[in-house]
Amino acid sequence: MTLQIPMPDFDQLADIYWRLGGMQSPSQLHGYLVGQLAVGETREPEQWLEQAAAFIDAVEPPNAEDSQVLSALYGATQACLKGGEMELQLLLPDDGAEITQRVDSIGQWCQGFVAGFAQGGTAIKEQQGQQQYPKDVSEAVSDIAAISQIGLSDADTDLEQSEQNIVEISEYLRVAAMTIYLECNKPQEGDDNGPVSEVEAEAEVAGALSNLFNKTDKKLH
């Protein structure tokens, strides 16, 4: 499946953060967006731009170019989730960035996801009443919250192993976010539910990768 809306890259968002005075990683904003969409909360374009500016803690409103990039982030992320083809990718620094920055960005993506999921869930509760989430969703959100505390320790000197851990943890988060989205946004009875069956197969990967938490204890070794 080819996305019609191109996903902005990390550096594009980092430039916006720099111009607007944001102090956190752009990964946190993407995690926040994915968390909201995963629980089923959507926004109108203007609402999203206002929300993104508030989340960035911008000292001035985004300009037209900034707004275009932020809108593309929303549209492309939503398209990835709705496509049902496991296309979602975390917005993280590229492989050439310092490993500390990459690890910190994973933690911040998770922090954003948990915040977005909680805020979106509260909004849906106000509209539809208390929501009951499947066990798989609750466990996945708890895992993501645990990974938000990830960091490098002084003993982390094996860069090759750390690189492998980054890849595996990122993959777990990608699959977990898709699983949460598809569980929380299942089609109503009579609708085509093909995408859900696709992610069930991918969820087996998530189950295997969940053992990473026992190995890392929230650190990269």
N, C-alpha and C. Protein backbone atom coordinates (compact mmCIF):
# COMPACT_ATOMS: atom_id res chain seq x y z
N MET A 1 0.84 -1.19 0.00
CA MET A 1 0.00 0.00 0.00
C MET A 1 0.88 1.25 0.00
N THR A 2 0.63 2.17 -0.89
CA THR A 2 1.40 3.41 -0.97
C THR A 2 0.62 4.54 -0.30
N LEU A 3 1.24 5.18 0.67
CA LEU A 3 0.58 6.26 1.37
C LEU A 3 0.54 7.50 0.49
N GLN A 4 -0.62 8.17 0.45
CA GLN A 4 -0.75 9.39 -0.33
C GLN A 4 -0.18 10.58 0.43
N ILE A 5 -0.11 10.49 1.75
CA ILE A 5 0.43 11.57 2.57
C ILE A 5 1.81 11.15 3.05
N PRO A 6 2.86 11.86 2.64
CA PRO A 6 4.21 11.48 3.08
C PRO A 6 4.41 11.78 4.56
N MET A 7 5.05 10.84 5.26
CA MET A 7 5.34 11.03 6.68
C MET A 7 6.54 11.96 6.84
N PRO A 8 6.41 13.05 7.59
CA PRO A 8 7.57 13.89 7.86
C PRO A 8 8.64 13.09 8.60
N ASP A 9 9.90 13.45 8.41
CA ASP A 9 10.94 12.73 9.14
C ASP A 9 11.26 13.44 10.45
N PHE A 10 12.10 12.80 11.24
CA PHE A 10 12.44 13.32 12.57
C PHE A 10 13.05 14.71 12.49
N ASP A 11 13.94 14.92 11.53
CA ASP A 11 14.63 16.21 11.44
C ASP A 11 13.67 17.35 11.11
N GLN A 12 12.66 17.08 10.29
CA GLN A 12 11.67 18.11 9.98
C GLN A 12 10.95 18.57 11.25
N LEU A 13 10.55 17.60 12.06
CA LEU A 13 9.87 17.95 13.32
C LEU A 13 10.84 18.62 14.29
N ALA A 14 12.10 18.16 14.28
CA ALA A 14 13.09 18.76 15.18
C ALA A 14 13.29 20.24 14.83
N ASP A 15 13.27 20.59 13.55
CA ASP A 15 13.39 21.99 13.14
C ASP A 15 12.23 22.82 13.68
N ILE A 16 11.03 22.24 13.63
CA ILE A 16 9.86 22.95 14.16
C ILE A 16 10.01 23.17 15.66
N TYR A 17 10.43 22.12 16.36
CA TYR A 17 10.64 22.24 17.80
C TYR A 17 11.65 23.36 18.10
N TRP A 18 12.72 23.41 17.33
CA TRP A 18 13.74 24.43 17.55
C TRP A 18 13.18 25.83 17.33
N ARG A 19 12.41 25.99 16.25
CA ARG A 19 11.85 27.31 15.95
C ARG A 19 10.82 27.75 16.98
N LEU A 20 10.05 26.79 17.48
CA LEU A 20 8.95 27.12 18.40
C LEU A 20 9.36 27.06 19.87
N GLY A 21 10.60 26.68 20.13
CA GLY A 21 11.09 26.67 21.50
C GLY A 21 10.75 25.43 22.28
N GLY A 22 10.37 24.34 21.59
CA GLY A 22 10.06 23.09 22.28
C GLY A 22 11.33 22.44 22.82
N MET A 23 11.22 21.82 23.99
CA MET A 23 12.40 21.27 24.65
C MET A 23 12.46 19.75 24.60
N GLN A 24 11.38 19.08 24.23
CA GLN A 24 11.35 17.63 24.22
C GLN A 24 11.68 17.08 22.82
N SER A 25 11.77 15.75 22.73
CA SER A 25 12.02 15.12 21.43
C SER A 25 10.75 15.10 20.59
N PRO A 26 10.84 15.32 19.28
CA PRO A 26 9.68 15.18 18.41
C PRO A 26 9.04 13.79 18.52
N SER A 27 9.82 12.80 18.95
CA SER A 27 9.27 11.46 19.11
C SER A 27 8.11 11.47 20.10
N GLN A 28 8.19 12.35 21.10
CA GLN A 28 7.14 12.40 22.11
C GLN A 28 5.82 12.85 21.49
N LEU A 29 5.88 13.81 20.58
CA LEU A 29 4.67 14.28 19.91
C LEU A 29 4.06 13.17 19.07
N HIS A 30 4.91 12.42 18.36
CA HIS A 30 4.38 11.33 17.55
C HIS A 30 3.75 10.25 18.42
N GLY A 31 4.42 9.90 19.53
CA GLY A 31 3.84 8.93 20.44
C GLY A 31 2.50 9.40 20.98
N TYR A 32 2.41 10.69 21.32
CA TYR A 32 1.17 11.28 21.81
C TYR A 32 0.06 11.14 20.78
N LEU A 33 0.37 11.43 19.53
CA LEU A 33 -0.61 11.31 18.45
C LEU A 33 -1.05 9.87 18.27
N VAL A 34 -0.08 8.94 18.23
CA VAL A 34 -0.42 7.53 18.05
C VAL A 34 -1.29 7.04 19.21
N GLY A 35 -0.98 7.47 20.43
CA GLY A 35 -1.77 7.07 21.59
C GLY A 35 -3.22 7.51 21.48
N GLN A 36 -3.44 8.74 21.04
CA GLN A 36 -4.81 9.24 20.87
C GLN A 36 -5.55 8.47 19.79
N LEU A 37 -4.90 8.31 18.65
CA LEU A 37 -5.55 7.60 17.55
C LEU A 37 -5.80 6.14 17.91
N ALA A 38 -4.87 5.55 18.66
CA ALA A 38 -5.00 4.14 19.01
C ALA A 38 -6.24 3.88 19.85
N VAL A 39 -6.55 4.80 20.74
CA VAL A 39 -7.72 4.61 21.59
C VAL A 39 -9.02 5.01 20.89
N GLY A 40 -8.90 5.62 19.71
CA GLY A 40 -10.08 5.95 18.92
C GLY A 40 -10.46 7.41 18.92
N GLU A 41 -9.61 8.27 19.46
CA GLU A 41 -9.88 9.71 19.51
C GLU A 41 -9.30 10.39 18.28
N THR A 42 -10.13 11.11 17.55
CA THR A 42 -9.66 11.82 16.36
C THR A 42 -9.88 13.33 16.54
N ARG A 43 -9.20 14.10 15.71
CA ARG A 43 -9.27 15.55 15.79
C ARG A 43 -9.50 16.16 14.42
N GLU A 44 -10.20 17.29 14.42
CA GLU A 44 -10.28 18.09 13.20
C GLU A 44 -8.93 18.77 12.98
N PRO A 45 -8.60 19.11 11.73
CA PRO A 45 -7.27 19.68 11.44
C PRO A 45 -6.88 20.85 12.34
N GLU A 46 -7.78 21.80 12.53
CA GLU A 46 -7.44 22.96 13.35
C GLU A 46 -7.26 22.58 14.81
N GLN A 47 -8.08 21.63 15.27
CA GLN A 47 -7.93 21.15 16.65
C GLN A 47 -6.58 20.50 16.86
N TRP A 48 -6.15 19.70 15.86
CA TRP A 48 -4.87 19.03 15.99
C TRP A 48 -3.72 20.03 16.03
N LEU A 49 -3.78 21.04 15.18
CA LEU A 49 -2.71 22.04 15.16
C LEU A 49 -2.62 22.78 16.49
N GLU A 50 -3.76 23.11 17.05
CA GLU A 50 -3.76 23.77 18.36
C GLU A 50 -3.21 22.84 19.44
N GLN A 51 -3.63 21.58 19.37
CA GLN A 51 -3.18 20.61 20.35
C GLN A 51 -1.68 20.35 20.23
N ALA A 52 -1.19 20.24 19.00
CA ALA A 52 0.24 20.00 18.78
C ALA A 52 1.07 21.17 19.30
N ALA A 53 0.62 22.39 19.03
CA ALA A 53 1.35 23.57 19.50
C ALA A 53 1.39 23.61 21.02
N ALA A 54 0.27 23.24 21.65
CA ALA A 54 0.22 23.21 23.11
C ALA A 54 1.14 22.13 23.67
N PHE A 55 1.16 20.98 23.01
CA PHE A 55 2.00 19.87 23.48
C PHE A 55 3.48 20.21 23.34
N ILE A 56 3.83 20.86 22.24
CA ILE A 56 5.21 21.29 22.02
C ILE A 56 5.59 22.37 23.03
N ASP A 57 4.57 23.04 23.60
CA ASP A 57 4.79 24.18 24.49
C ASP A 57 5.45 25.31 23.72
N ALA A 58 4.87 25.57 22.54
CA ALA A 58 5.44 26.56 21.62
C ALA A 58 5.32 27.96 22.20
N VAL A 59 6.36 28.76 21.98
CA VAL A 59 6.36 30.14 22.45
C VAL A 59 5.65 31.06 21.45
N GLU A 60 5.37 30.53 20.25
CA GLU A 60 4.61 31.27 19.25
C GLU A 60 3.86 30.26 18.39
N PRO A 61 2.78 30.67 17.71
CA PRO A 61 2.01 29.74 16.90
C PRO A 61 2.84 29.21 15.73
N PRO A 62 2.58 27.98 15.30
CA PRO A 62 3.27 27.45 14.12
C PRO A 62 2.95 28.30 12.91
N ASN A 63 3.97 28.52 12.05
CA ASN A 63 3.71 29.25 10.81
C ASN A 63 3.08 28.31 9.78
N ALA A 64 2.87 28.80 8.58
CA ALA A 64 2.19 28.01 7.56
C ALA A 64 2.97 26.74 7.21
N GLU A 65 4.30 26.87 7.12
CA GLU A 65 5.13 25.71 6.80
C GLU A 65 5.10 24.68 7.93
N ASP A 66 5.18 25.19 9.17
CA ASP A 66 5.11 24.30 10.32
C ASP A 66 3.77 23.56 10.34
N SER A 67 2.71 24.29 10.10
CA SER A 67 1.36 23.70 10.13
C SER A 67 1.21 22.62 9.07
N GLN A 68 1.83 22.85 7.92
CA GLN A 68 1.76 21.84 6.85
C GLN A 68 2.44 20.55 7.29
N VAL A 69 3.60 20.67 7.93
CA VAL A 69 4.33 19.48 8.39
C VAL A 69 3.54 18.78 9.49
N LEU A 70 3.01 19.53 10.44
CA LEU A 70 2.24 18.95 11.53
C LEU A 70 0.96 18.27 11.02
N SER A 71 0.34 18.88 10.03
CA SER A 71 -0.85 18.26 9.43
C SER A 71 -0.49 16.97 8.71
N ALA A 72 0.66 16.97 8.03
CA ALA A 72 1.11 15.76 7.35
C ALA A 72 1.42 14.65 8.35
N LEU A 73 1.98 15.03 9.50
CA LEU A 73 2.25 14.05 10.54
C LEU A 73 0.96 13.36 10.97
N TYR A 74 -0.07 14.15 11.19
CA TYR A 74 -1.36 13.59 11.60
C TYR A 74 -1.94 12.69 10.50
N GLY A 75 -1.99 13.22 9.28
CA GLY A 75 -2.61 12.46 8.18
C GLY A 75 -1.88 11.17 7.87
N ALA A 76 -0.55 11.23 7.82
CA ALA A 76 0.22 10.03 7.49
C ALA A 76 0.13 8.99 8.60
N THR A 77 0.17 9.45 9.86
CA THR A 77 0.07 8.51 10.98
C THR A 77 -1.29 7.84 11.00
N GLN A 78 -2.34 8.61 10.79
CA GLN A 78 -3.68 8.03 10.76
C GLN A 78 -3.82 7.03 9.62
N ALA A 79 -3.25 7.36 8.45
CA ALA A 79 -3.32 6.46 7.31
C ALA A 79 -2.59 5.15 7.60
N CYS A 80 -1.44 5.23 8.27
CA CYS A 80 -0.69 4.02 8.63
C CYS A 80 -1.51 3.12 9.54
N LEU A 81 -2.17 3.71 10.52
CA LEU A 81 -2.96 2.93 11.47
C LEU A 81 -4.19 2.33 10.81
N LYS A 82 -4.87 3.12 9.99
CA LYS A 82 -6.10 2.65 9.37
C LYS A 82 -5.86 1.66 8.25
N GLY A 83 -4.65 1.65 7.69
CA GLY A 83 -4.38 0.81 6.54
C GLY A 83 -4.44 -0.68 6.83
N GLY A 84 -4.19 -1.07 8.08
CA GLY A 84 -4.27 -2.48 8.44
C GLY A 84 -3.17 -3.33 7.86
N GLU A 85 -2.07 -2.71 7.42
CA GLU A 85 -0.98 -3.47 6.80
C GLU A 85 0.33 -3.33 7.59
N MET A 86 0.20 -3.00 8.88
CA MET A 86 1.37 -2.93 9.76
C MET A 86 2.43 -1.95 9.25
N GLU A 87 2.01 -0.82 8.69
CA GLU A 87 2.95 0.14 8.11
C GLU A 87 3.45 1.18 9.11
N LEU A 88 2.85 1.23 10.29
CA LEU A 88 3.27 2.24 11.26
C LEU A 88 4.74 2.10 11.60
N GLN A 89 5.45 3.23 11.61
CA GLN A 89 6.83 3.29 12.07
C GLN A 89 6.94 4.38 13.13
N LEU A 90 7.74 4.14 14.14
CA LEU A 90 7.95 5.16 15.17
C LEU A 90 8.79 6.29 14.60
N LEU A 91 8.47 7.51 14.97
CA LEU A 91 9.24 8.67 14.54
C LEU A 91 10.43 8.82 15.49
N LEU A 92 11.58 8.34 15.07
CA LEU A 92 12.78 8.34 15.89
C LEU A 92 13.96 8.90 15.10
N PRO A 93 15.02 9.32 15.79
CA PRO A 93 16.22 9.76 15.06
C PRO A 93 16.76 8.62 14.21
N ASP A 94 17.45 8.97 13.13
CA ASP A 94 17.97 7.92 12.27
C ASP A 94 19.16 7.22 12.91
N ASP A 95 19.63 6.16 12.25
CA ASP A 95 20.68 5.32 12.83
C ASP A 95 22.00 6.06 13.03
N GLY A 96 22.17 7.20 12.37
CA GLY A 96 23.41 7.94 12.52
C GLY A 96 23.48 8.81 13.76
N ALA A 97 22.36 8.94 14.46
CA ALA A 97 22.33 9.78 15.66
C ALA A 97 23.05 9.08 16.82
N GLU A 98 23.43 9.85 17.81
CA GLU A 98 24.05 9.28 19.01
C GLU A 98 23.10 8.28 19.64
N ILE A 99 23.66 7.17 20.13
CA ILE A 99 22.82 6.11 20.68
C ILE A 99 22.04 6.60 21.89
N THR A 100 22.61 7.51 22.67
CA THR A 100 21.90 8.06 23.82
C THR A 100 20.65 8.80 23.39
N GLN A 101 20.75 9.60 22.31
CA GLN A 101 19.59 10.32 21.80
C GLN A 101 18.53 9.35 21.31
N ARG A 102 18.95 8.27 20.66
CA ARG A 102 17.99 7.31 20.14
C ARG A 102 17.25 6.59 21.26
N VAL A 103 17.99 6.23 22.31
CA VAL A 103 17.37 5.57 23.45
C VAL A 103 16.41 6.53 24.17
N ASP A 104 16.85 7.76 24.39
CA ASP A 104 16.00 8.74 25.05
C ASP A 104 14.73 9.00 24.24
N SER A 105 14.86 9.00 22.91
CA SER A 105 13.70 9.25 22.06
C SER A 105 12.68 8.12 22.13
N ILE A 106 13.16 6.89 22.29
CA ILE A 106 12.24 5.77 22.49
C ILE A 106 11.44 5.97 23.77
N GLY A 107 12.15 6.34 24.85
CA GLY A 107 11.46 6.58 26.10
C GLY A 107 10.45 7.71 25.99
N GLN A 108 10.81 8.78 25.28
CA GLN A 108 9.90 9.91 25.13
C GLN A 108 8.73 9.56 24.23
N TRP A 109 8.95 8.72 23.21
CA TRP A 109 7.83 8.27 22.38
C TRP A 109 6.82 7.54 23.27
N CYS A 110 7.31 6.69 24.14
CA CYS A 110 6.43 5.93 25.05
C CYS A 110 5.69 6.86 26.00
N GLN A 111 6.39 7.86 26.54
CA GLN A 111 5.74 8.82 27.43
C GLN A 111 4.60 9.53 26.71
N GLY A 112 4.87 9.93 25.46
CA GLY A 112 3.84 10.59 24.67
C GLY A 112 2.67 9.67 24.40
N PHE A 113 2.95 8.39 24.08
CA PHE A 113 1.88 7.45 23.79
C PHE A 113 0.96 7.30 25.00
N VAL A 114 1.54 7.09 26.16
CA VAL A 114 0.73 6.89 27.37
C VAL A 114 -0.12 8.13 27.66
N ALA A 115 0.47 9.32 27.49
CA ALA A 115 -0.28 10.56 27.71
C ALA A 115 -1.41 10.70 26.71
N GLY A 116 -1.13 10.41 25.44
CA GLY A 116 -2.17 10.52 24.41
C GLY A 116 -3.27 9.50 24.61
N PHE A 117 -2.90 8.27 24.97
CA PHE A 117 -3.89 7.22 25.20
C PHE A 117 -4.80 7.61 26.37
N ALA A 118 -4.20 8.12 27.45
CA ALA A 118 -4.99 8.50 28.62
C ALA A 118 -5.92 9.66 28.31
N GLN A 119 -5.39 10.68 27.60
CA GLN A 119 -6.22 11.84 27.28
C GLN A 119 -7.33 11.46 26.32
N GLY A 120 -6.99 10.67 25.30
CA GLY A 120 -8.01 10.23 24.36
C GLY A 120 -9.05 9.37 25.03
N GLY A 121 -8.62 8.49 25.92
CA GLY A 121 -9.57 7.63 26.64
C GLY A 121 -10.51 8.42 27.51
N THR A 122 -10.01 9.49 28.13
CA THR A 122 -10.86 10.35 28.95
C THR A 122 -11.92 11.04 28.10
N ALA A 123 -11.51 11.51 26.91
CA ALA A 123 -12.47 12.18 26.02
C ALA A 123 -13.55 11.21 25.56
N ILE A 124 -13.17 9.99 25.24
CA ILE A 124 -14.14 8.99 24.80
C ILE A 124 -15.07 8.60 25.94
N LYS A 125 -14.53 8.51 27.15
CA LYS A 125 -15.35 8.20 28.32
C LYS A 125 -16.42 9.26 28.51
N GLU A 126 -16.07 10.53 28.32
CA GLU A 126 -17.03 11.61 28.47
C GLU A 126 -18.14 11.53 27.42
N GLN A 127 -17.78 11.02 26.23
CA GLN A 127 -18.76 10.93 25.15
C GLN A 127 -19.58 9.65 25.20
N GLN A 128 -18.93 8.54 25.54
CA GLN A 128 -19.57 7.24 25.40
C GLN A 128 -19.71 6.47 26.72
N GLY A 129 -19.17 6.99 27.79
CA GLY A 129 -19.20 6.28 29.06
C GLY A 129 -17.92 5.47 29.27
N GLN A 130 -17.83 4.83 30.41
CA GLN A 130 -16.65 4.06 30.78
C GLN A 130 -16.35 2.99 29.74
N GLN A 131 -15.09 2.89 29.33
CA GLN A 131 -14.68 1.91 28.34
C GLN A 131 -13.98 0.73 29.03
N GLN A 132 -14.27 -0.46 28.54
CA GLN A 132 -13.60 -1.67 29.02
C GLN A 132 -12.63 -2.14 27.95
N TYR A 133 -11.34 -2.15 28.26
CA TYR A 133 -10.35 -2.53 27.28
C TYR A 133 -10.00 -4.01 27.44
N PRO A 134 -9.76 -4.70 26.31
CA PRO A 134 -9.34 -6.10 26.39
C PRO A 134 -8.04 -6.23 27.17
N LYS A 135 -7.81 -7.40 27.71
CA LYS A 135 -6.61 -7.66 28.50
C LYS A 135 -5.35 -7.36 27.70
N ASP A 136 -5.34 -7.73 26.43
CA ASP A 136 -4.16 -7.49 25.59
C ASP A 136 -3.83 -6.01 25.51
N VAL A 137 -4.86 -5.17 25.44
CA VAL A 137 -4.65 -3.72 25.36
C VAL A 137 -4.06 -3.20 26.66
N SER A 138 -4.65 -3.60 27.78
CA SER A 138 -4.16 -3.13 29.08
C SER A 138 -2.71 -3.54 29.30
N GLU A 139 -2.38 -4.78 28.93
CA GLU A 139 -1.01 -5.26 29.12
C GLU A 139 -0.05 -4.51 28.21
N ALA A 140 -0.47 -4.26 26.97
CA ALA A 140 0.41 -3.55 26.03
C ALA A 140 0.67 -2.12 26.50
N VAL A 141 -0.37 -1.44 26.99
CA VAL A 141 -0.19 -0.07 27.49
C VAL A 141 0.74 -0.07 28.70
N SER A 142 0.59 -1.07 29.58
CA SER A 142 1.47 -1.18 30.74
C SER A 142 2.92 -1.40 30.31
N ASP A 143 3.11 -2.23 29.28
CA ASP A 143 4.46 -2.45 28.76
C ASP A 143 5.06 -1.17 28.22
N ILE A 144 4.26 -0.42 27.47
CA ILE A 144 4.75 0.83 26.90
C ILE A 144 5.11 1.82 28.00
N ALA A 145 4.30 1.85 29.06
CA ALA A 145 4.61 2.72 30.20
C ALA A 145 5.93 2.31 30.85
N ALA A 146 6.17 0.99 30.93
CA ALA A 146 7.42 0.52 31.52
C ALA A 146 8.62 0.90 30.66
N ILE A 147 8.47 0.78 29.35
CA ILE A 147 9.57 1.11 28.44
C ILE A 147 9.88 2.61 28.46
N SER A 148 8.90 3.43 28.89
CA SER A 148 9.14 4.88 28.93
C SER A 148 10.28 5.24 29.88
N GLN A 149 10.65 4.31 30.76
CA GLN A 149 11.74 4.56 31.71
C GLN A 149 13.08 4.05 31.20
N ILE A 150 13.12 3.66 29.95
CA ILE A 150 14.34 3.08 29.37
C ILE A 150 15.49 4.07 29.42
N GLY A 151 16.69 3.55 29.54
CA GLY A 151 17.87 4.42 29.54
C GLY A 151 19.13 3.59 29.45
N LEU A 152 20.22 4.23 29.20
CA LEU A 152 21.52 3.56 29.15
C LEU A 152 22.17 3.61 30.54
N SER A 153 22.77 2.50 30.94
CA SER A 153 23.50 2.47 32.19
C SER A 153 24.99 2.57 31.90
N ASP A 154 25.78 2.76 32.96
CA ASP A 154 27.23 2.86 32.79
C ASP A 154 27.82 1.56 32.26
N ALA A 155 27.08 0.45 32.46
CA ALA A 155 27.59 -0.85 32.02
C ALA A 155 27.32 -1.12 30.55
N ASP A 156 26.58 -0.22 29.90
CA ASP A 156 26.21 -0.45 28.51
C ASP A 156 27.35 -0.05 27.58
N THR A 157 28.30 -0.94 27.42
CA THR A 157 29.46 -0.66 26.58
C THR A 157 29.44 -1.46 25.28
N ASP A 158 28.53 -2.43 25.18
CA ASP A 158 28.42 -3.26 23.98
C ASP A 158 27.47 -2.56 23.01
N LEU A 159 28.03 -1.75 22.11
CA LEU A 159 27.20 -0.96 21.20
C LEU A 159 26.40 -1.84 20.25
N GLU A 160 26.99 -2.94 19.82
CA GLU A 160 26.29 -3.83 18.90
C GLU A 160 25.05 -4.42 19.56
N GLN A 161 25.17 -4.83 20.83
CA GLN A 161 24.01 -5.37 21.54
C GLN A 161 22.97 -4.29 21.80
N SER A 162 23.44 -3.09 22.12
CA SER A 162 22.51 -1.98 22.33
C SER A 162 21.74 -1.66 21.05
N GLU A 163 22.43 -1.69 19.92
CA GLU A 163 21.77 -1.46 18.63
C GLU A 163 20.68 -2.51 18.40
N GLN A 164 21.01 -3.77 18.69
CA GLN A 164 20.04 -4.84 18.50
C GLN A 164 18.83 -4.64 19.41
N ASN A 165 19.09 -4.24 20.65
CA ASN A 165 17.99 -4.01 21.59
C ASN A 165 17.09 -2.87 21.11
N ILE A 166 17.70 -1.82 20.56
CA ILE A 166 16.90 -0.70 20.04
C ILE A 166 15.97 -1.18 18.93
N VAL A 167 16.50 -1.99 18.03
CA VAL A 167 15.69 -2.52 16.93
C VAL A 167 14.54 -3.37 17.47
N GLU A 168 14.83 -4.25 18.41
CA GLU A 168 13.82 -5.17 18.93
C GLU A 168 12.75 -4.43 19.74
N ILE A 169 13.17 -3.48 20.56
CA ILE A 169 12.21 -2.72 21.36
C ILE A 169 11.33 -1.85 20.45
N SER A 170 11.93 -1.23 19.45
CA SER A 170 11.16 -0.42 18.51
C SER A 170 10.13 -1.27 17.78
N GLU A 171 10.52 -2.47 17.41
CA GLU A 171 9.59 -3.37 16.73
C GLU A 171 8.45 -3.79 17.66
N TYR A 172 8.80 -4.07 18.90
CA TYR A 172 7.74 -4.41 19.86
C TYR A 172 6.74 -3.25 19.97
N LEU A 173 7.25 -2.04 20.12
CA LEU A 173 6.38 -0.88 20.28
C LEU A 173 5.51 -0.67 19.04
N ARG A 174 6.09 -0.86 17.88
CA ARG A 174 5.34 -0.70 16.63
C ARG A 174 4.16 -1.67 16.58
N VAL A 175 4.43 -2.94 16.87
CA VAL A 175 3.38 -3.95 16.82
C VAL A 175 2.37 -3.73 17.95
N ALA A 176 2.85 -3.37 19.13
CA ALA A 176 1.95 -3.13 20.25
C ALA A 176 0.99 -1.98 19.95
N ALA A 177 1.50 -0.90 19.36
CA ALA A 177 0.63 0.24 19.04
C ALA A 177 -0.41 -0.15 18.01
N MET A 178 -0.02 -0.92 16.99
CA MET A 178 -0.98 -1.38 16.00
C MET A 178 -2.02 -2.30 16.62
N THR A 179 -1.59 -3.17 17.51
CA THR A 179 -2.50 -4.09 18.18
C THR A 179 -3.53 -3.32 19.00
N ILE A 180 -3.05 -2.32 19.76
CA ILE A 180 -3.96 -1.51 20.56
C ILE A 180 -4.97 -0.80 19.67
N TYR A 181 -4.48 -0.21 18.58
CA TYR A 181 -5.37 0.51 17.67
C TYR A 181 -6.46 -0.42 17.12
N LEU A 182 -6.07 -1.57 16.65
CA LEU A 182 -7.04 -2.46 16.02
C LEU A 182 -7.98 -3.09 17.03
N GLU A 183 -7.52 -3.28 18.25
CA GLU A 183 -8.42 -3.78 19.29
C GLU A 183 -9.44 -2.72 19.71
N CYS A 184 -8.98 -1.47 19.80
CA CYS A 184 -9.87 -0.39 20.25
C CYS A 184 -10.75 0.16 19.14
N ASN A 185 -10.45 -0.19 17.90
CA ASN A 185 -11.20 0.34 16.75
C ASN A 185 -11.73 -0.79 15.88
N LYS A 186 -12.14 -1.88 16.51
CA LYS A 186 -12.68 -3.00 15.74
C LYS A 186 -13.94 -2.58 15.01
N PRO A 187 -14.12 -3.07 13.77
CA PRO A 187 -15.35 -2.73 13.03
C PRO A 187 -16.58 -3.23 13.76
N GLN A 188 -17.68 -2.52 13.57
CA GLN A 188 -18.94 -2.97 14.13
C GLN A 188 -19.41 -4.23 13.41
N GLU A 189 -20.31 -4.93 14.03
CA GLU A 189 -20.82 -6.17 13.44
C GLU A 189 -21.36 -5.93 12.04
N GLY A 190 -20.94 -6.77 11.11
CA GLY A 190 -21.36 -6.63 9.72
C GLY A 190 -20.35 -5.92 8.86
N ASP A 191 -19.35 -5.27 9.50
CA ASP A 191 -18.29 -4.60 8.73
C ASP A 191 -17.18 -5.58 8.41
N ASP A 192 -16.36 -5.21 7.44
CA ASP A 192 -15.20 -6.03 7.10
C ASP A 192 -14.17 -5.94 8.20
N ASN A 193 -13.79 -7.07 8.79
CA ASN A 193 -12.83 -7.04 9.88
C ASN A 193 -11.51 -7.68 9.50
N GLY A 194 -11.16 -7.62 8.22
CA GLY A 194 -9.93 -8.22 7.75
C GLY A 194 -8.68 -7.73 8.44
N PRO A 195 -8.49 -6.40 8.63
CA PRO A 195 -7.26 -5.93 9.24
C PRO A 195 -6.98 -6.49 10.62
N VAL A 196 -8.08 -6.76 11.40
CA VAL A 196 -7.86 -7.29 12.73
C VAL A 196 -7.21 -8.65 12.68
N SER A 197 -7.64 -9.50 11.73
CA SER A 197 -7.04 -10.82 11.63
C SER A 197 -5.57 -10.73 11.23
N GLU A 198 -5.20 -9.72 10.45
CA GLU A 198 -3.79 -9.54 10.09
C GLU A 198 -2.94 -9.26 11.31
N VAL A 199 -3.43 -8.39 12.16
CA VAL A 199 -2.60 -8.01 13.30
C VAL A 199 -2.51 -9.13 14.32
N GLU A 200 -3.47 -10.05 14.34
CA GLU A 200 -3.38 -11.16 15.27
C GLU A 200 -2.15 -12.00 15.00
N ALA A 201 -1.81 -12.15 13.73
CA ALA A 201 -0.60 -12.90 13.39
C ALA A 201 0.64 -12.13 13.84
N GLU A 202 0.62 -10.81 13.62
CA GLU A 202 1.76 -10.00 14.03
C GLU A 202 1.90 -9.95 15.55
N ALA A 203 0.77 -10.12 16.27
CA ALA A 203 0.82 -10.05 17.73
C ALA A 203 1.68 -11.16 18.32
N GLU A 204 1.86 -12.25 17.58
CA GLU A 204 2.74 -13.30 18.05
C GLU A 204 4.17 -12.77 18.18
N VAL A 205 4.55 -11.88 17.27
CA VAL A 205 5.86 -11.25 17.37
C VAL A 205 5.95 -10.44 18.65
N ALA A 206 4.88 -9.70 18.95
CA ALA A 206 4.88 -8.89 20.16
C ALA A 206 5.04 -9.75 21.40
N GLY A 207 4.38 -10.90 21.42
CA GLY A 207 4.49 -11.78 22.57
C GLY A 207 5.91 -12.26 22.78
N ALA A 208 6.59 -12.58 21.69
CA ALA A 208 7.97 -13.04 21.80
C ALA A 208 8.90 -11.92 22.25
N LEU A 209 8.65 -10.72 21.73
CA LEU A 209 9.53 -9.60 22.07
C LEU A 209 9.29 -9.09 23.48
N SER A 210 8.14 -9.44 24.09
CA SER A 210 7.87 -8.95 25.43
C SER A 210 8.89 -9.45 26.44
N ASN A 211 9.59 -10.53 26.10
CA ASN A 211 10.63 -11.05 26.99
C ASN A 211 11.79 -10.06 27.14
N LEU A 212 11.85 -9.06 26.25
CA LEU A 212 12.91 -8.07 26.35
C LEU A 212 12.89 -7.34 27.68
N PHE A 213 11.70 -7.16 28.25
CA PHE A 213 11.61 -6.40 29.49
C PHE A 213 12.34 -7.12 30.61
N ASN A 214 12.28 -8.45 30.60
CA ASN A 214 13.00 -9.20 31.62
C ASN A 214 14.50 -9.07 31.43
N LYS A 215 14.95 -8.97 30.17
CA LYS A 215 16.38 -8.89 29.90
C LYS A 215 16.94 -7.50 30.18
N THR A 216 16.16 -6.47 29.83
CA THR A 216 16.70 -5.12 29.90
C THR A 216 16.48 -4.45 31.25
N ASP A 217 15.42 -4.84 31.95
CA ASP A 217 15.04 -4.14 33.19
C ASP A 217 15.04 -2.64 32.95
N LYS A 218 14.44 -2.27 31.81
CA LYS A 218 14.31 -0.88 31.40
C LYS A 218 15.64 -0.24 31.04
N LYS A 219 16.68 -1.03 30.89
CA LYS A 219 17.98 -0.53 30.45
C LYS A 219 18.38 -1.25 29.19
N LEU A 220 19.32 -0.71 28.47
CA LEU A 220 19.87 -1.39 27.31
C LEU A 220 21.22 -1.99 27.70
N HIS A 221 21.29 -3.32 27.73
CA HIS A 221 22.54 -4.00 28.11
C HIS A 221 23.11 -4.70 26.90
